[in-house]
Amino acid sequence: MTGERLRFDGWIAGVGTASGTRLVVGHWPRSPFGSFSDVMVEHRDGERVLLAPSRRIADFVAATYRFDRIEVVPVTVAVAGAAWLVEAGPLLLRLRTGRRSALGVLLSAVPAPLARSPVWAALCDVPARLLMPGVRTLGRAGPGRREWYGARGQWPVVAADAVLDGTDLGPLSPLDPPVAFGFGSAPRRPCLVRVTTTVELGSAER
């Protein structure tokens, strides 16, 4: 038997900064919670912070990933072509994407039903780890939960600037070391990924 499966369809952007702070933005136009965005922040010293738009979403995300601190703040994402503007409480992030990568072209051919399949995620897990160290597509997420990712497109992030708590985080840098919110990291090279994420709840949550 499997638990209830919750699907989130949207985008994940992962960027590093010269300050050592790494940012992972989730932008989910379609989800069980409606349209929302959230930001995961990992500081140079390893402190992990979640910026979420509501307590309900914060509680769900915190039960799926690991954080040292949670802040419920307004989170908005505005997209204009290749330009993204993310505002999340103390964070202001601007990023710009480049042309779709060769891998992104291949991923765009993945049919939506296949991207939702845990079997497909399991097949992609080994090549993902080999091509992008730290990246996983299937794993355990929080007590009793299982999660998998089905990527359907990828674009490089070619420029970004971020201000957090009034401090400029410096220019765009690799996302290194890998973030440690869950079983896998975003890619080392900053990028934007079109993705369907599925969270399978544990038996106690059914």
N, C-alpha and C. Protein backbone atom coordinates (compact mmCIF):
# COMPACT_ATOMS: atom_id res chain seq x y z
N MET A 1 0.84 -1.19 0.00
CA MET A 1 0.00 0.00 0.00
C MET A 1 0.87 1.25 0.00
N THR A 2 0.37 2.28 -0.65
CA THR A 2 1.09 3.55 -0.64
C THR A 2 0.24 4.60 0.05
N GLY A 3 0.92 5.64 0.56
CA GLY A 3 0.21 6.72 1.21
C GLY A 3 -0.32 7.71 0.19
N GLU A 4 -1.04 8.70 0.68
CA GLU A 4 -1.55 9.76 -0.19
C GLU A 4 -0.39 10.47 -0.87
N ARG A 5 -0.57 10.78 -2.15
CA ARG A 5 0.47 11.44 -2.92
C ARG A 5 0.06 12.88 -3.24
N LEU A 6 0.89 13.82 -2.84
CA LEU A 6 0.64 15.23 -3.07
C LEU A 6 1.61 15.72 -4.14
N ARG A 7 1.08 16.35 -5.19
CA ARG A 7 1.93 16.78 -6.30
C ARG A 7 2.03 18.30 -6.35
N PHE A 8 3.25 18.76 -6.63
CA PHE A 8 3.56 20.18 -6.74
C PHE A 8 4.19 20.40 -8.11
N ASP A 9 3.56 21.24 -8.91
CA ASP A 9 4.03 21.45 -10.27
C ASP A 9 4.51 22.89 -10.43
N GLY A 10 5.77 23.05 -10.82
CA GLY A 10 6.29 24.40 -10.96
C GLY A 10 7.77 24.43 -11.27
N TRP A 11 8.50 25.27 -10.55
CA TRP A 11 9.91 25.51 -10.83
C TRP A 11 10.71 25.55 -9.53
N ILE A 12 11.97 25.12 -9.62
CA ILE A 12 12.92 25.25 -8.53
C ILE A 12 14.15 25.96 -9.08
N ALA A 13 14.57 27.03 -8.41
CA ALA A 13 15.79 27.75 -8.78
C ALA A 13 16.78 27.63 -7.63
N GLY A 14 18.00 27.23 -7.96
CA GLY A 14 19.05 27.12 -6.94
C GLY A 14 20.24 27.98 -7.33
N VAL A 15 20.66 28.86 -6.41
CA VAL A 15 21.81 29.73 -6.69
C VAL A 15 22.71 29.81 -5.46
N GLY A 16 24.00 29.97 -5.72
CA GLY A 16 24.95 30.28 -4.67
C GLY A 16 25.35 31.75 -4.77
N THR A 17 25.93 32.28 -3.71
CA THR A 17 26.39 33.67 -3.70
C THR A 17 27.81 33.72 -3.16
N ALA A 18 28.50 34.80 -3.46
CA ALA A 18 29.89 34.95 -3.03
C ALA A 18 30.02 34.96 -1.51
N SER A 19 28.96 35.31 -0.80
CA SER A 19 29.00 35.34 0.66
C SER A 19 29.01 33.94 1.27
N GLY A 20 28.69 32.92 0.47
CA GLY A 20 28.56 31.56 0.98
C GLY A 20 27.13 31.17 1.28
N THR A 21 26.21 32.14 1.27
CA THR A 21 24.79 31.84 1.45
C THR A 21 24.23 31.26 0.16
N ARG A 22 23.48 30.16 0.28
CA ARG A 22 22.87 29.51 -0.87
C ARG A 22 21.36 29.58 -0.75
N LEU A 23 20.69 29.75 -1.89
CA LEU A 23 19.25 29.98 -1.93
C LEU A 23 18.58 28.99 -2.86
N VAL A 24 17.47 28.42 -2.41
CA VAL A 24 16.67 27.54 -3.25
C VAL A 24 15.23 28.06 -3.22
N VAL A 25 14.75 28.47 -4.38
CA VAL A 25 13.41 29.04 -4.51
C VAL A 25 12.48 27.99 -5.12
N GLY A 26 11.35 27.76 -4.49
CA GLY A 26 10.29 26.93 -5.06
C GLY A 26 9.13 27.80 -5.48
N HIS A 27 8.72 27.70 -6.73
CA HIS A 27 7.60 28.48 -7.25
C HIS A 27 6.58 27.50 -7.79
N TRP A 28 5.41 27.40 -7.12
CA TRP A 28 4.46 26.32 -7.37
C TRP A 28 3.09 26.88 -7.77
N PRO A 29 2.85 27.13 -9.06
CA PRO A 29 1.53 27.59 -9.49
C PRO A 29 0.42 26.58 -9.24
N ARG A 30 0.79 25.28 -9.22
CA ARG A 30 -0.21 24.23 -8.98
C ARG A 30 0.27 23.32 -7.86
N SER A 31 -0.53 23.27 -6.80
CA SER A 31 -0.17 22.44 -5.64
C SER A 31 -1.42 22.16 -4.82
N PRO A 32 -1.37 21.23 -3.86
CA PRO A 32 -2.51 21.00 -2.98
C PRO A 32 -2.86 22.21 -2.12
N PHE A 33 -1.93 23.17 -2.01
CA PHE A 33 -2.15 24.37 -1.20
C PHE A 33 -2.48 25.58 -2.08
N GLY A 34 -2.77 25.34 -3.34
CA GLY A 34 -2.96 26.45 -4.26
C GLY A 34 -1.61 26.96 -4.76
N SER A 35 -1.62 28.11 -5.39
CA SER A 35 -0.38 28.69 -5.89
C SER A 35 0.39 29.33 -4.74
N PHE A 36 1.69 29.00 -4.63
CA PHE A 36 2.52 29.62 -3.60
C PHE A 36 3.98 29.50 -3.99
N SER A 37 4.81 30.25 -3.29
CA SER A 37 6.26 30.17 -3.44
C SER A 37 6.89 30.14 -2.06
N ASP A 38 8.07 29.55 -1.96
CA ASP A 38 8.81 29.54 -0.71
C ASP A 38 10.30 29.60 -1.03
N VAL A 39 11.09 29.92 -0.01
CA VAL A 39 12.54 30.02 -0.19
C VAL A 39 13.24 29.29 0.95
N MET A 40 14.22 28.48 0.60
CA MET A 40 15.08 27.82 1.57
C MET A 40 16.45 28.49 1.51
N VAL A 41 16.94 28.89 2.67
CA VAL A 41 18.22 29.61 2.77
C VAL A 41 19.18 28.80 3.62
N GLU A 42 20.39 28.58 3.11
CA GLU A 42 21.42 27.97 3.94
C GLU A 42 22.62 28.92 4.01
N HIS A 43 22.95 29.34 5.23
CA HIS A 43 24.04 30.29 5.43
C HIS A 43 25.40 29.58 5.40
N ARG A 44 26.45 30.37 5.31
CA ARG A 44 27.81 29.82 5.27
C ARG A 44 28.08 28.91 6.46
N ASP A 45 27.53 29.26 7.65
CA ASP A 45 27.78 28.47 8.84
C ASP A 45 26.89 27.22 8.94
N GLY A 46 26.05 26.99 7.92
CA GLY A 46 25.20 25.81 7.90
C GLY A 46 23.80 26.02 8.43
N GLU A 47 23.48 27.20 8.97
CA GLU A 47 22.12 27.43 9.46
C GLU A 47 21.14 27.39 8.29
N ARG A 48 20.06 26.62 8.46
CA ARG A 48 19.06 26.44 7.42
C ARG A 48 17.77 27.14 7.82
N VAL A 49 17.30 28.02 6.95
CA VAL A 49 16.13 28.85 7.25
C VAL A 49 15.08 28.66 6.16
N LEU A 50 13.82 28.50 6.57
CA LEU A 50 12.70 28.43 5.64
C LEU A 50 11.93 29.74 5.70
N LEU A 51 11.69 30.33 4.52
CA LEU A 51 10.82 31.49 4.38
C LEU A 51 9.56 31.02 3.67
N ALA A 52 8.44 30.97 4.40
CA ALA A 52 7.20 30.40 3.87
C ALA A 52 6.06 31.40 4.01
N PRO A 53 5.08 31.37 3.10
CA PRO A 53 4.03 32.40 3.11
C PRO A 53 2.89 32.18 4.09
N SER A 54 2.79 31.01 4.71
CA SER A 54 1.73 30.75 5.68
C SER A 54 2.19 29.69 6.66
N ARG A 55 1.55 29.64 7.81
CA ARG A 55 1.90 28.62 8.81
C ARG A 55 1.58 27.23 8.29
N ARG A 56 0.48 27.08 7.56
CA ARG A 56 0.11 25.76 7.04
C ARG A 56 1.19 25.24 6.09
N ILE A 57 1.65 26.09 5.18
CA ILE A 57 2.69 25.67 4.25
C ILE A 57 4.00 25.44 4.98
N ALA A 58 4.32 26.33 5.93
CA ALA A 58 5.55 26.17 6.70
C ALA A 58 5.57 24.83 7.43
N ASP A 59 4.44 24.45 8.03
CA ASP A 59 4.38 23.19 8.76
C ASP A 59 4.58 22.00 7.83
N PHE A 60 3.97 22.06 6.64
CA PHE A 60 4.12 20.94 5.70
C PHE A 60 5.56 20.83 5.22
N VAL A 61 6.16 21.94 4.81
CA VAL A 61 7.52 21.92 4.29
C VAL A 61 8.50 21.49 5.38
N ALA A 62 8.28 21.97 6.61
CA ALA A 62 9.18 21.62 7.71
C ALA A 62 9.06 20.16 8.11
N ALA A 63 7.93 19.53 7.79
CA ALA A 63 7.77 18.10 8.06
C ALA A 63 8.37 17.25 6.95
N THR A 64 8.77 17.90 5.84
CA THR A 64 9.35 17.20 4.70
C THR A 64 10.85 17.40 4.62
N TYR A 65 11.32 18.58 5.03
CA TYR A 65 12.74 18.93 4.99
C TYR A 65 13.20 19.34 6.39
N ARG A 66 14.49 19.67 6.50
CA ARG A 66 15.08 20.01 7.80
C ARG A 66 15.50 21.47 7.83
N PHE A 67 15.10 22.16 8.90
CA PHE A 67 15.45 23.57 9.07
C PHE A 67 15.82 23.85 10.52
N ASP A 68 16.64 24.86 10.71
CA ASP A 68 16.98 25.32 12.05
C ASP A 68 16.08 26.47 12.50
N ARG A 69 15.48 27.15 11.52
CA ARG A 69 14.62 28.29 11.83
C ARG A 69 13.59 28.45 10.72
N ILE A 70 12.37 28.85 11.12
CA ILE A 70 11.28 29.04 10.17
C ILE A 70 10.72 30.44 10.35
N GLU A 71 10.53 31.15 9.24
CA GLU A 71 9.92 32.46 9.26
C GLU A 71 8.71 32.46 8.32
N VAL A 72 7.55 32.85 8.85
CA VAL A 72 6.35 33.00 8.03
C VAL A 72 6.28 34.45 7.59
N VAL A 73 6.48 34.68 6.30
CA VAL A 73 6.58 36.03 5.74
C VAL A 73 5.90 36.05 4.37
N PRO A 74 5.52 37.23 3.89
CA PRO A 74 5.00 37.29 2.52
C PRO A 74 6.08 36.85 1.53
N VAL A 75 5.69 36.01 0.57
CA VAL A 75 6.62 35.54 -0.46
C VAL A 75 5.95 35.73 -1.82
N THR A 76 6.61 36.49 -2.69
CA THR A 76 6.07 36.71 -4.03
C THR A 76 7.16 36.44 -5.06
N VAL A 77 6.74 35.93 -6.22
CA VAL A 77 7.64 35.70 -7.34
C VAL A 77 7.01 36.33 -8.58
N ALA A 78 7.75 37.21 -9.24
CA ALA A 78 7.30 37.83 -10.48
C ALA A 78 8.24 37.41 -11.60
N VAL A 79 7.66 36.92 -12.70
CA VAL A 79 8.46 36.42 -13.82
C VAL A 79 8.14 37.26 -15.05
N ALA A 80 9.18 37.78 -15.69
CA ALA A 80 9.03 38.54 -16.94
C ALA A 80 10.08 38.02 -17.92
N GLY A 81 9.69 37.04 -18.72
CA GLY A 81 10.64 36.43 -19.64
C GLY A 81 11.73 35.70 -18.88
N ALA A 82 12.99 36.11 -19.08
CA ALA A 82 14.12 35.45 -18.42
C ALA A 82 14.42 36.05 -17.05
N ALA A 83 13.70 37.09 -16.66
CA ALA A 83 13.97 37.78 -15.38
C ALA A 83 13.00 37.33 -14.31
N TRP A 84 13.55 36.99 -13.16
CA TRP A 84 12.75 36.59 -12.00
C TRP A 84 13.03 37.56 -10.85
N LEU A 85 11.98 37.98 -10.16
CA LEU A 85 12.11 38.81 -8.98
C LEU A 85 11.43 38.09 -7.82
N VAL A 86 12.21 37.78 -6.79
CA VAL A 86 11.70 37.05 -5.63
C VAL A 86 11.80 37.96 -4.41
N GLU A 87 10.67 38.16 -3.73
CA GLU A 87 10.64 38.93 -2.49
C GLU A 87 10.07 38.02 -1.41
N ALA A 88 10.84 37.81 -0.35
CA ALA A 88 10.44 36.90 0.72
C ALA A 88 10.89 37.48 2.06
N GLY A 89 10.03 38.30 2.68
CA GLY A 89 10.40 38.90 3.97
C GLY A 89 11.70 39.66 3.87
N PRO A 90 12.76 39.17 4.54
CA PRO A 90 14.04 39.89 4.55
C PRO A 90 14.87 39.71 3.29
N LEU A 91 14.37 38.91 2.32
CA LEU A 91 15.16 38.58 1.13
C LEU A 91 14.61 39.26 -0.11
N LEU A 92 15.51 39.85 -0.89
CA LEU A 92 15.20 40.33 -2.23
C LEU A 92 16.19 39.68 -3.19
N LEU A 93 15.68 38.91 -4.14
CA LEU A 93 16.52 38.17 -5.08
C LEU A 93 16.08 38.46 -6.50
N ARG A 94 17.04 38.85 -7.32
CA ARG A 94 16.81 39.00 -8.76
C ARG A 94 17.70 38.00 -9.48
N LEU A 95 17.12 37.30 -10.44
CA LEU A 95 17.95 36.39 -11.23
C LEU A 95 17.52 36.42 -12.68
N ARG A 96 18.44 36.02 -13.54
CA ARG A 96 18.17 35.99 -14.97
C ARG A 96 18.65 34.66 -15.53
N THR A 97 17.82 34.05 -16.34
CA THR A 97 18.17 32.75 -16.92
C THR A 97 18.69 32.93 -18.34
N GLY A 98 19.50 31.95 -18.77
CA GLY A 98 20.00 31.93 -20.13
C GLY A 98 19.17 31.00 -21.00
N ARG A 99 19.71 30.66 -22.16
CA ARG A 99 19.02 29.74 -23.07
C ARG A 99 18.97 28.34 -22.46
N ARG A 100 17.92 27.62 -22.78
CA ARG A 100 17.74 26.28 -22.24
C ARG A 100 18.95 25.41 -22.56
N SER A 101 19.41 24.65 -21.57
CA SER A 101 20.58 23.80 -21.73
C SER A 101 20.26 22.60 -22.60
N ALA A 102 21.32 21.90 -23.05
CA ALA A 102 21.10 20.68 -23.84
C ALA A 102 20.32 19.65 -23.02
N LEU A 103 20.68 19.53 -21.73
CA LEU A 103 19.92 18.62 -20.87
C LEU A 103 18.48 19.09 -20.75
N GLY A 104 18.29 20.40 -20.69
CA GLY A 104 16.94 20.94 -20.59
C GLY A 104 16.09 20.60 -21.80
N VAL A 105 16.71 20.58 -22.99
CA VAL A 105 15.98 20.20 -24.20
C VAL A 105 15.53 18.76 -24.11
N LEU A 106 16.41 17.88 -23.64
CA LEU A 106 16.04 16.47 -23.48
C LEU A 106 14.92 16.30 -22.46
N LEU A 107 15.04 17.02 -21.34
CA LEU A 107 14.03 16.90 -20.29
C LEU A 107 12.67 17.40 -20.74
N SER A 108 12.65 18.38 -21.64
CA SER A 108 11.38 18.93 -22.10
C SER A 108 10.57 17.90 -22.88
N ALA A 109 11.22 16.83 -23.34
CA ALA A 109 10.51 15.78 -24.09
C ALA A 109 9.84 14.76 -23.17
N VAL A 110 10.09 14.85 -21.86
CA VAL A 110 9.51 13.89 -20.92
C VAL A 110 8.01 14.18 -20.76
N PRO A 111 7.14 13.23 -21.07
CA PRO A 111 5.69 13.46 -20.91
C PRO A 111 5.34 13.67 -19.43
N ALA A 112 4.34 14.49 -19.19
CA ALA A 112 3.94 14.81 -17.81
C ALA A 112 3.60 13.56 -16.99
N PRO A 113 2.85 12.58 -17.53
CA PRO A 113 2.55 11.40 -16.71
C PRO A 113 3.81 10.64 -16.30
N LEU A 114 4.81 10.59 -17.20
CA LEU A 114 6.05 9.90 -16.87
C LEU A 114 6.82 10.65 -15.79
N ALA A 115 6.80 11.97 -15.85
CA ALA A 115 7.52 12.78 -14.86
C ALA A 115 6.95 12.59 -13.45
N ARG A 116 5.71 12.16 -13.36
CA ARG A 116 5.09 11.95 -12.05
C ARG A 116 5.36 10.57 -11.47
N SER A 117 5.98 9.69 -12.25
CA SER A 117 6.14 8.29 -11.86
C SER A 117 7.36 8.08 -10.95
N PRO A 118 7.20 7.37 -9.83
CA PRO A 118 8.36 7.05 -8.99
C PRO A 118 9.33 6.10 -9.68
N VAL A 119 8.82 5.28 -10.60
CA VAL A 119 9.70 4.37 -11.36
C VAL A 119 10.65 5.19 -12.23
N TRP A 120 10.12 6.20 -12.92
CA TRP A 120 10.96 7.07 -13.74
C TRP A 120 11.98 7.81 -12.88
N ALA A 121 11.55 8.29 -11.71
CA ALA A 121 12.47 8.98 -10.81
C ALA A 121 13.60 8.06 -10.37
N ALA A 122 13.26 6.80 -10.10
CA ALA A 122 14.29 5.84 -9.68
C ALA A 122 15.28 5.58 -10.82
N LEU A 123 14.78 5.50 -12.06
CA LEU A 123 15.66 5.28 -13.20
C LEU A 123 16.59 6.47 -13.42
N CYS A 124 16.11 7.67 -13.12
CA CYS A 124 16.91 8.89 -13.33
C CYS A 124 17.88 9.15 -12.19
N ASP A 125 17.71 8.50 -11.05
CA ASP A 125 18.49 8.85 -9.86
C ASP A 125 19.98 8.64 -10.05
N VAL A 126 20.37 7.49 -10.59
CA VAL A 126 21.81 7.20 -10.74
C VAL A 126 22.47 8.14 -11.74
N PRO A 127 21.93 8.32 -12.97
CA PRO A 127 22.57 9.27 -13.87
C PRO A 127 22.59 10.69 -13.33
N ALA A 128 21.55 11.09 -12.58
CA ALA A 128 21.53 12.44 -12.00
C ALA A 128 22.68 12.61 -11.03
N ARG A 129 22.92 11.59 -10.20
CA ARG A 129 24.02 11.67 -9.23
C ARG A 129 25.38 11.71 -9.92
N LEU A 130 25.50 10.99 -11.04
CA LEU A 130 26.77 10.95 -11.76
C LEU A 130 27.04 12.26 -12.49
N LEU A 131 25.99 12.83 -13.11
CA LEU A 131 26.16 14.05 -13.88
C LEU A 131 26.20 15.29 -13.01
N MET A 132 25.48 15.27 -11.89
CA MET A 132 25.37 16.44 -11.01
C MET A 132 25.52 15.99 -9.56
N PRO A 133 26.74 15.85 -9.07
CA PRO A 133 26.97 15.36 -7.71
C PRO A 133 26.13 16.12 -6.68
N GLY A 134 25.50 15.35 -5.80
CA GLY A 134 24.64 15.94 -4.78
C GLY A 134 23.17 15.90 -5.13
N VAL A 135 22.86 15.80 -6.43
CA VAL A 135 21.48 15.79 -6.88
C VAL A 135 20.90 14.39 -6.75
N ARG A 136 19.70 14.28 -6.21
CA ARG A 136 18.97 13.03 -6.13
C ARG A 136 17.57 13.26 -6.68
N THR A 137 16.95 12.25 -7.23
CA THR A 137 15.60 12.38 -7.75
C THR A 137 14.57 11.57 -6.96
N LEU A 138 15.03 10.77 -6.00
CA LEU A 138 14.13 9.92 -5.22
C LEU A 138 14.75 9.66 -3.86
N GLY A 139 13.95 9.80 -2.79
CA GLY A 139 14.50 9.54 -1.47
C GLY A 139 13.48 9.71 -0.36
N ARG A 140 13.93 9.50 0.86
CA ARG A 140 13.09 9.68 2.03
C ARG A 140 13.05 11.14 2.42
N ALA A 141 11.86 11.60 2.80
CA ALA A 141 11.67 13.02 3.10
C ALA A 141 10.86 13.17 4.37
N GLY A 142 11.54 13.39 5.48
CA GLY A 142 10.83 13.52 6.74
C GLY A 142 10.35 12.17 7.23
N PRO A 143 9.88 12.09 8.47
CA PRO A 143 9.45 10.82 9.06
C PRO A 143 8.33 10.16 8.25
N GLY A 144 8.65 9.01 7.67
CA GLY A 144 7.64 8.23 6.98
C GLY A 144 7.29 8.70 5.58
N ARG A 145 7.86 9.81 5.13
CA ARG A 145 7.51 10.33 3.81
C ARG A 145 8.52 9.90 2.76
N ARG A 146 8.04 9.84 1.51
CA ARG A 146 8.90 9.58 0.37
C ARG A 146 8.66 10.69 -0.65
N GLU A 147 9.70 11.07 -1.38
CA GLU A 147 9.57 12.18 -2.32
C GLU A 147 10.33 11.85 -3.60
N TRP A 148 9.79 12.30 -4.74
CA TRP A 148 10.53 12.16 -5.98
C TRP A 148 10.28 13.36 -6.88
N TYR A 149 11.28 13.61 -7.74
CA TYR A 149 11.27 14.75 -8.64
C TYR A 149 11.26 14.27 -10.08
N GLY A 150 10.45 14.90 -10.90
CA GLY A 150 10.44 14.64 -12.33
C GLY A 150 10.75 15.92 -13.08
N ALA A 151 11.99 16.11 -13.50
CA ALA A 151 12.39 17.34 -14.18
C ALA A 151 11.89 17.33 -15.61
N ARG A 152 11.42 18.50 -16.07
CA ARG A 152 10.86 18.62 -17.42
C ARG A 152 11.45 19.81 -18.18
N GLY A 153 12.58 20.30 -17.72
CA GLY A 153 13.25 21.41 -18.40
C GLY A 153 14.30 22.01 -17.48
N GLN A 154 15.34 22.60 -18.06
CA GLN A 154 16.41 23.21 -17.27
C GLN A 154 17.01 24.40 -18.02
N TRP A 155 17.23 25.48 -17.30
CA TRP A 155 17.84 26.68 -17.84
C TRP A 155 18.97 27.13 -16.90
N PRO A 156 20.12 27.56 -17.40
CA PRO A 156 21.15 28.09 -16.51
C PRO A 156 20.75 29.44 -15.95
N VAL A 157 21.12 29.70 -14.72
CA VAL A 157 21.00 31.05 -14.16
C VAL A 157 22.31 31.76 -14.46
N VAL A 158 22.24 32.83 -15.26
CA VAL A 158 23.46 33.50 -15.73
C VAL A 158 23.80 34.75 -14.93
N ALA A 159 22.85 35.25 -14.15
CA ALA A 159 23.12 36.43 -13.33
C ALA A 159 22.15 36.44 -12.15
N ALA A 160 22.61 36.92 -11.01
CA ALA A 160 21.76 37.03 -9.84
C ALA A 160 22.35 38.03 -8.87
N ASP A 161 21.48 38.72 -8.16
CA ASP A 161 21.93 39.53 -7.02
C ASP A 161 20.89 39.40 -5.93
N ALA A 162 21.36 39.38 -4.70
CA ALA A 162 20.47 39.13 -3.58
C ALA A 162 20.87 39.99 -2.39
N VAL A 163 19.85 40.46 -1.68
CA VAL A 163 20.04 41.20 -0.44
C VAL A 163 19.23 40.49 0.64
N LEU A 164 19.86 40.17 1.76
CA LEU A 164 19.20 39.47 2.86
C LEU A 164 19.45 40.24 4.14
N ASP A 165 18.37 40.63 4.83
CA ASP A 165 18.49 41.41 6.06
C ASP A 165 19.34 42.65 5.85
N GLY A 166 19.19 43.27 4.67
CA GLY A 166 19.91 44.50 4.37
C GLY A 166 21.34 44.32 3.93
N THR A 167 21.82 43.08 3.83
CA THR A 167 23.20 42.80 3.45
C THR A 167 23.26 42.23 2.05
N ASP A 168 24.10 42.84 1.19
CA ASP A 168 24.30 42.32 -0.16
C ASP A 168 25.08 41.01 -0.07
N LEU A 169 24.55 39.95 -0.67
CA LEU A 169 25.18 38.63 -0.59
C LEU A 169 26.28 38.43 -1.62
N GLY A 170 26.50 39.41 -2.49
CA GLY A 170 27.57 39.29 -3.46
C GLY A 170 27.11 38.64 -4.74
N PRO A 171 28.01 38.56 -5.73
CA PRO A 171 27.63 38.04 -7.05
C PRO A 171 27.32 36.56 -7.05
N LEU A 172 26.72 36.14 -8.16
CA LEU A 172 26.36 34.74 -8.36
C LEU A 172 27.58 33.83 -8.27
N SER A 173 27.42 32.70 -7.57
CA SER A 173 28.50 31.73 -7.40
C SER A 173 27.91 30.32 -7.48
N PRO A 174 28.77 29.31 -7.62
CA PRO A 174 28.26 27.93 -7.57
C PRO A 174 27.55 27.65 -6.25
N LEU A 175 26.60 26.75 -6.30
CA LEU A 175 25.89 26.34 -5.10
C LEU A 175 26.74 25.26 -4.42
N ASP A 176 27.72 25.74 -3.65
CA ASP A 176 28.72 24.85 -3.07
C ASP A 176 29.14 25.39 -1.70
N PRO A 177 29.11 24.55 -0.63
CA PRO A 177 28.79 23.12 -0.65
C PRO A 177 27.32 22.87 -0.91
N PRO A 178 26.97 21.61 -1.20
CA PRO A 178 25.56 21.29 -1.45
C PRO A 178 24.69 21.67 -0.26
N VAL A 179 23.45 22.08 -0.53
CA VAL A 179 22.53 22.39 0.56
C VAL A 179 22.09 21.09 1.24
N ALA A 180 21.67 21.23 2.50
CA ALA A 180 21.36 20.04 3.31
C ALA A 180 19.97 20.14 3.93
N PHE A 181 18.99 20.49 3.09
CA PHE A 181 17.61 20.55 3.59
C PHE A 181 16.95 19.18 3.60
N GLY A 182 17.36 18.32 2.66
CA GLY A 182 16.72 17.02 2.54
C GLY A 182 17.70 15.99 2.04
N PHE A 183 17.18 15.00 1.30
CA PHE A 183 18.04 13.88 0.87
C PHE A 183 18.94 14.25 -0.30
N GLY A 184 18.66 15.37 -0.98
CA GLY A 184 19.48 15.77 -2.11
C GLY A 184 19.61 17.27 -2.19
N SER A 185 20.55 17.72 -3.01
CA SER A 185 20.81 19.15 -3.18
C SER A 185 20.34 19.60 -4.56
N ALA A 186 20.23 20.90 -4.73
CA ALA A 186 20.11 21.47 -6.07
C ALA A 186 21.47 21.34 -6.76
N PRO A 187 21.51 21.43 -8.10
CA PRO A 187 22.79 21.30 -8.80
C PRO A 187 23.80 22.36 -8.38
N ARG A 188 25.08 22.01 -8.48
CA ARG A 188 26.15 22.95 -8.13
C ARG A 188 26.11 24.18 -9.03
N ARG A 189 25.90 23.97 -10.33
CA ARG A 189 25.81 25.09 -11.25
C ARG A 189 24.44 25.74 -11.12
N PRO A 190 24.35 27.04 -10.82
CA PRO A 190 23.05 27.68 -10.64
C PRO A 190 22.14 27.45 -11.84
N CYS A 191 20.89 27.06 -11.56
CA CYS A 191 19.98 26.78 -12.65
C CYS A 191 18.53 26.88 -12.19
N LEU A 192 17.66 26.92 -13.16
CA LEU A 192 16.22 26.90 -12.96
C LEU A 192 15.70 25.61 -13.59
N VAL A 193 14.91 24.85 -12.84
CA VAL A 193 14.41 23.56 -13.31
C VAL A 193 12.89 23.56 -13.29
N ARG A 194 12.31 23.18 -14.40
CA ARG A 194 10.86 22.92 -14.47
C ARG A 194 10.64 21.53 -13.94
N VAL A 195 9.76 21.37 -12.93
CA VAL A 195 9.73 20.11 -12.22
C VAL A 195 8.33 19.79 -11.68
N THR A 196 8.04 18.51 -11.62
CA THR A 196 6.89 18.01 -10.86
C THR A 196 7.44 17.26 -9.66
N THR A 197 7.10 17.72 -8.47
CA THR A 197 7.55 17.10 -7.23
C THR A 197 6.38 16.38 -6.59
N THR A 198 6.60 15.12 -6.20
CA THR A 198 5.55 14.34 -5.54
C THR A 198 6.03 13.95 -4.16
N VAL A 199 5.19 14.22 -3.16
CA VAL A 199 5.45 13.81 -1.78
C VAL A 199 4.42 12.75 -1.40
N GLU A 200 4.91 11.57 -1.05
CA GLU A 200 4.03 10.49 -0.61
C GLU A 200 4.05 10.47 0.91
N LEU A 201 2.88 10.66 1.51
CA LEU A 201 2.77 10.74 2.96
C LEU A 201 2.95 9.37 3.60
N GLY A 202 3.39 9.37 4.85
CA GLY A 202 3.55 8.14 5.60
C GLY A 202 2.20 7.56 6.02
N SER A 203 2.19 6.31 6.43
CA SER A 203 0.93 5.64 6.79
C SER A 203 0.22 6.33 7.93
N ALA A 204 0.98 6.93 8.86
CA ALA A 204 0.38 7.59 10.00
C ALA A 204 -0.35 8.87 9.60
N GLU A 205 -0.08 9.39 8.39
CA GLU A 205 -0.68 10.64 7.94
C GLU A 205 -1.90 10.40 7.06
N ARG A 206 -2.18 9.16 6.72
CA ARG A 206 -3.31 8.87 5.82
C ARG A 206 -4.64 9.10 6.52
